[in-house]
């Protein structure tokens, strides 16, 4: 989808808008507590993405990209509000939201979304016979011998499948280790599959 949007595909952009607009608006509303402002932030975020589409990296996660734009736009609104709010409790709330949005924790949440999406994509790219072996091992906690029995293949084949899968994940996720730590705070919305995959990747990459 990234390449399609970069090339100017209005259909790809419309699909992204349909899929993520409500999420971006909800994110902004959580901090602004104003539906109209949250909608403006979401619309402006998509507009900024479209205007700057040609400069987006090919491996970018578009949802994380939009959240980063929305975060910065929400911060601008909150900082303006702080200057004009007269009620102390409202000013304190705005300052607290500014602190939260500016924190490294917020950055790690956005990073987690990007990483989760990259993991999901890498998982979907695995050949089915390798993906099923990986899932039986990491999600079902079956031993190599048990997987071999279930699939009717040799233990050596299972070992090969797992080696190929882990190599694939390391290659697809390598840019995360180059730019930031993989010690990321995973929050509730991340599926168990992603958590398990990341733990496998971190373990393998430290050997």
Protein backbone atom coordinates (compact mmCIF):
# COMPACT_ATOMS: atom_id res chain seq x y z
CA UNK A 1 0.00 0.00 0.00
CA UNK A 2 2.90 2.37 0.74
CA UNK A 3 4.25 2.11 -2.80
CA UNK A 4 0.78 2.54 -4.28
CA UNK A 5 0.15 5.71 -2.29
CA UNK A 6 3.63 7.04 -3.10
CA UNK A 7 2.84 6.55 -6.79
CA UNK A 8 -0.35 8.60 -6.37
CA UNK A 9 -3.00 5.87 -6.20
CA UNK A 10 -6.19 7.52 -4.99
CA UNK A 11 -7.78 4.07 -4.50
CA UNK A 12 -5.01 3.00 -2.11
CA UNK A 13 -5.29 6.28 -0.23
CA UNK A 14 -9.08 5.92 0.00
CA UNK A 15 -8.66 2.38 1.37
CA UNK A 16 -6.22 3.62 4.01
CA UNK A 17 -8.56 6.49 4.90
CA UNK A 18 -11.50 4.11 5.27
CA UNK A 19 -9.49 1.74 7.44
CA UNK A 20 -7.67 4.19 9.71
CA UNK A 21 -9.57 7.49 9.89
CA UNK A 22 -11.67 6.48 12.88
CA UNK A 23 -8.58 5.20 14.72
CA UNK A 24 -6.66 8.43 14.18
CA UNK A 25 -9.65 10.53 15.21
CA UNK A 26 -10.14 8.42 18.34
CA UNK A 27 -6.47 8.86 19.23
CA UNK A 28 -6.72 12.64 18.90
CA UNK A 29 -10.01 12.82 20.81
CA UNK A 30 -8.49 10.95 23.74
CA UNK A 31 -6.20 13.92 24.36
CA UNK A 32 -8.23 16.82 23.01
CA UNK A 33 -11.65 15.75 24.34
CA UNK A 34 -13.25 17.62 21.47
CA UNK A 35 -14.85 15.80 18.52
CA UNK A 36 -14.52 18.68 16.08
CA UNK A 37 -10.85 19.25 16.86
CA UNK A 38 -10.16 15.51 16.75
CA UNK A 39 -11.77 15.25 13.33
CA UNK A 40 -9.76 18.22 12.08
CA UNK A 41 -6.55 16.61 13.35
CA UNK A 42 -7.38 13.33 11.63
CA UNK A 43 -8.24 15.03 8.33
CA UNK A 44 -5.12 17.21 8.47
CA UNK A 45 -3.00 14.12 9.20
CA UNK A 46 -4.24 12.33 6.09
CA UNK A 47 -3.82 15.48 4.04
CA UNK A 48 -0.22 15.82 5.26
CA UNK A 49 0.47 12.19 4.37
CA UNK A 50 -0.90 12.68 0.86
CA UNK A 51 1.00 15.92 0.26
CA UNK A 52 4.27 14.37 1.47
CA UNK A 53 3.65 10.88 0.04
CA UNK A 54 6.66 10.91 -2.27
CA UNK A 55 9.07 11.39 0.64
CA UNK A 56 7.71 8.46 2.68
CA UNK A 57 10.16 5.57 3.07
CA UNK A 58 9.12 2.38 1.28
CA UNK A 59 9.15 0.38 4.53
CA UNK A 60 7.12 2.94 6.51
CA UNK A 61 4.12 1.88 8.56
CA UNK A 62 1.37 4.24 7.47
CA UNK A 63 -0.67 4.01 10.66
CA UNK A 64 2.37 4.88 12.76
CA UNK A 65 3.16 7.69 10.31
CA UNK A 66 -0.37 9.09 10.71
CA UNK A 67 -0.28 8.76 14.49
CA UNK A 68 2.96 10.70 14.63
CA UNK A 69 1.46 13.51 12.56
CA UNK A 70 -1.73 13.47 14.67
CA UNK A 71 0.32 13.55 17.87
CA UNK A 72 2.22 16.65 16.74
CA UNK A 73 -0.93 18.42 15.60
CA UNK A 74 -2.70 17.60 18.88
CA UNK A 75 0.32 18.94 20.78
CA UNK A 76 0.11 22.23 18.87
CA UNK A 77 -3.57 22.59 19.78
CA UNK A 78 -2.96 21.77 23.44
CA UNK A 79 -0.06 24.22 23.71
CA UNK A 80 -2.27 26.96 22.30
CA UNK A 81 -5.03 26.03 24.76
CA UNK A 82 -2.67 26.26 27.72
CA UNK A 83 -1.95 29.90 26.87
CA UNK A 84 -5.63 30.85 26.82
CA UNK A 85 -7.32 28.61 29.40
CA UNK A 86 -8.36 30.46 32.53
CA UNK A 87 -9.73 27.56 34.62
CA UNK A 88 -6.88 25.96 36.58
CA UNK A 89 -8.18 22.40 36.31
CA UNK A 90 -8.58 22.69 32.52
CA UNK A 91 -5.07 24.10 32.21
CA UNK A 92 -3.68 21.27 34.35
CA UNK A 93 -5.43 18.68 32.20
CA UNK A 94 -4.01 20.19 29.02
CA UNK A 95 -0.51 20.27 30.52
CA UNK A 96 -0.83 16.61 31.55
CA UNK A 97 -1.86 15.64 28.02
CA UNK A 98 1.07 17.60 26.59
CA UNK A 99 3.42 15.74 28.93
CA UNK A 100 1.93 12.38 27.91
CA UNK A 101 2.06 13.07 24.18
CA UNK A 102 5.64 14.34 24.47
CA UNK A 103 6.87 11.37 26.50
CA UNK A 104 9.12 8.55 25.35
CA UNK A 105 6.32 6.17 26.35
CA UNK A 106 4.06 7.64 23.68
CA UNK A 107 6.87 7.25 21.18
CA UNK A 108 7.26 3.61 22.22
CA UNK A 109 3.52 3.01 21.73
CA UNK A 110 3.70 4.31 18.17
CA UNK A 111 6.85 2.25 17.61
CA UNK A 112 4.99 -0.80 18.91
CA UNK A 113 2.24 -0.30 16.33
CA UNK A 114 4.82 -0.06 13.58
CA UNK A 115 6.63 -3.16 14.83
CA UNK A 116 3.41 -5.14 15.21
CA UNK A 117 2.42 -4.31 11.65
CA UNK A 118 5.86 -5.32 10.38
CA UNK A 119 5.63 -8.63 12.24
CA UNK A 120 2.15 -9.33 10.87
CA UNK A 121 3.36 -8.59 7.35
CA UNK A 122 6.45 -10.77 7.75
CA UNK A 123 4.33 -13.60 9.15
CA UNK A 124 1.91 -13.42 6.21
CA UNK A 125 4.81 -13.59 3.75
CA UNK A 126 6.03 -16.96 5.04
CA UNK A 127 5.25 -19.94 2.79
CA UNK A 128 2.30 -21.84 4.26
CA UNK A 129 4.25 -25.00 5.11
CA UNK A 130 6.84 -22.95 7.02
CA UNK A 131 4.25 -20.70 8.65
CA UNK A 132 2.30 -23.67 10.02
CA UNK A 133 5.45 -25.17 11.55
CA UNK A 134 6.30 -21.80 13.10
CA UNK A 135 2.80 -21.38 14.53
CA UNK A 136 2.71 -24.89 15.97
CA UNK A 137 6.04 -24.23 17.67
CA UNK A 138 5.58 -20.66 18.90
CA UNK A 139 1.81 -20.50 19.41
CA UNK A 140 0.91 -24.09 20.26
CA UNK A 141 4.19 -24.81 22.07
CA UNK A 142 4.60 -28.16 20.36
CA UNK A 143 7.99 -29.85 20.30
CA UNK A 144 9.76 -30.50 17.01
CA UNK A 145 8.85 -34.18 17.30
CA UNK A 146 5.17 -33.34 17.89
CA UNK A 147 5.11 -30.95 14.93
CA UNK A 148 6.74 -33.59 12.72
CA UNK A 149 4.05 -36.08 13.75
CA UNK A 150 1.19 -33.62 13.14
CA UNK A 151 2.49 -32.62 9.71
CA UNK A 152 3.81 -36.03 8.66
CA UNK A 153 7.34 -34.76 8.06
CA UNK A 154 10.74 -35.37 9.60
CA UNK A 155 12.14 -33.54 12.63
CA UNK A 156 14.92 -32.24 10.39
CA UNK A 157 12.30 -30.66 8.14
CA UNK A 158 10.72 -28.96 11.14
CA UNK A 159 14.11 -27.64 12.23
CA UNK A 160 14.65 -26.27 8.72
CA UNK A 161 11.21 -24.61 8.69
CA UNK A 162 11.88 -22.85 12.01
CA UNK A 163 15.34 -21.72 10.91
CA UNK A 164 13.92 -20.25 7.70
CA UNK A 165 11.10 -18.50 9.59
CA UNK A 166 13.40 -16.92 12.16
CA UNK A 167 15.85 -15.78 9.48
CA UNK A 168 12.94 -14.21 7.60
CA UNK A 169 11.82 -12.31 10.70
CA UNK A 170 15.35 -11.10 11.43
CA UNK A 171 15.72 -9.77 7.90
CA UNK A 172 12.31 -8.11 7.80
CA UNK A 173 12.69 -6.51 11.24
CA UNK A 174 16.38 -5.62 11.04
CA UNK A 175 15.74 -1.89 10.65
CA UNK A 176 14.15 -1.80 14.11
CA UNK A 177 17.44 -2.82 15.73
CA UNK A 178 19.29 -0.24 13.68
CA UNK A 179 17.14 2.69 14.74
CA UNK A 180 15.80 1.84 18.20
CA UNK A 181 15.78 -0.76 20.93
CA UNK A 182 13.49 -3.75 20.56
CA UNK A 183 12.64 -3.41 24.25
CA UNK A 184 9.26 -1.89 23.42
CA UNK A 185 6.30 -1.48 25.73
CA UNK A 186 3.56 -3.66 24.29
CA UNK A 187 0.12 -2.48 25.28
CA UNK A 188 -3.12 -4.44 25.47
CA UNK A 189 -4.28 -4.17 21.88
CA UNK A 190 -1.30 -6.12 20.54
CA UNK A 191 -2.21 -9.71 19.77
CA UNK A 192 -0.49 -12.55 21.58
CA UNK A 193 0.94 -13.64 18.26
CA UNK A 194 2.94 -10.44 17.96
CA UNK A 195 4.27 -10.68 21.52
CA UNK A 196 5.44 -14.24 20.96
CA UNK A 197 7.03 -13.41 17.63
CA UNK A 198 8.88 -10.44 19.05
CA UNK A 199 10.18 -12.48 22.00
CA UNK A 200 11.42 -15.09 19.54
CA UNK A 201 13.08 -12.43 17.40
CA UNK A 202 14.79 -10.76 20.36
CA UNK A 203 16.01 -14.10 21.67
CA UNK A 204 17.41 -15.15 18.31
CA UNK A 205 19.01 -11.78 17.59
CA UNK A 206 20.94 -11.84 20.87
CA UNK A 207 22.48 -15.29 20.30
